[in-house]
């Protein structure tokens, strides 16, 4: 059954007038005219079939029926106010669920969660690592970090960083007896490949190593795997800036050669447009951007 409700504007005018015992002061509070408040109250009385006020000389006196109704209205308004405050608090705090790829979660995000949790203890972070792009309309996800060119119609999109592709290896490997000073020297080391061997062929050609011949080394299907293998000293791999950042900054990887290829795709922070300005979304997005900017400065200082 549909609720039978009077005009909420009229109820609001009645509550203010009853509280102030004055149409004039109620009008000042509601930023309307005294006549508008009087009209709303009269319409409410007509709808209810009850007299809510006695208009006495220079004063407004609430009737017994009006006083009973005021108790009901105040209770309802108090409940609405409390519910509204709780809703706003949830927007500023509470659970924030973030979706991203397993590679980004493992090699970049997880290393920074501790600092965010310490700075914003009121936000409970939940990270969902998945290979598919989440459907915000159907899944309980607040924000995602995606890799691509930034074209996701209907979503609020912010670039996290720009990316390059360059060789990385363990410092131990670079101090090997074999030289690693120019691009051609790479052919004397095991090369670690992501998905196939074409990316290394492209980089070597750009570096002027035209005839690389048959390239050996394991092929893996996750970027985090090839980076971890490089950290372990198993060979040299090509890494994207973001995924290699933590290991470069902390000295587990180095860039033995300067050439870096710019990449069209990069990481983006995405969320529904309707929730883009929610405080907890803004706080987390700003935190990610600050971390990425700090990475960029520190990695620039490490360039060979």
Foldseek 3Di string as FASTA:
>chain_A
DDDDDDPPVLLLLLLLCVVVQALCVSCVVVVHHSVVSVVSPVVVCVVVVHDQWDDDPPTIHGDPVNVVVSVVSVVVVVVVVVVVVVVLLCLQAEEAEEEEAPLCVVQFVVVCVVVVCVVCVRHHYHYHHDDDDDDVVPDPHFKYKYKDLQDDPQKDKDFLDWKWKAKKAFPVLCPPPQHDQALLSQLVWQEEAAPDCVVVQVVSVVSVNPPSDDHDHDYYHHLNVSLVCRLVGRGMYIHMLRSCLVCPLVRSMAGNDQDIGTDSIHMMMIGRPVSCPRNVNVSVSVVSSVVSVVSVVSVVVRHD
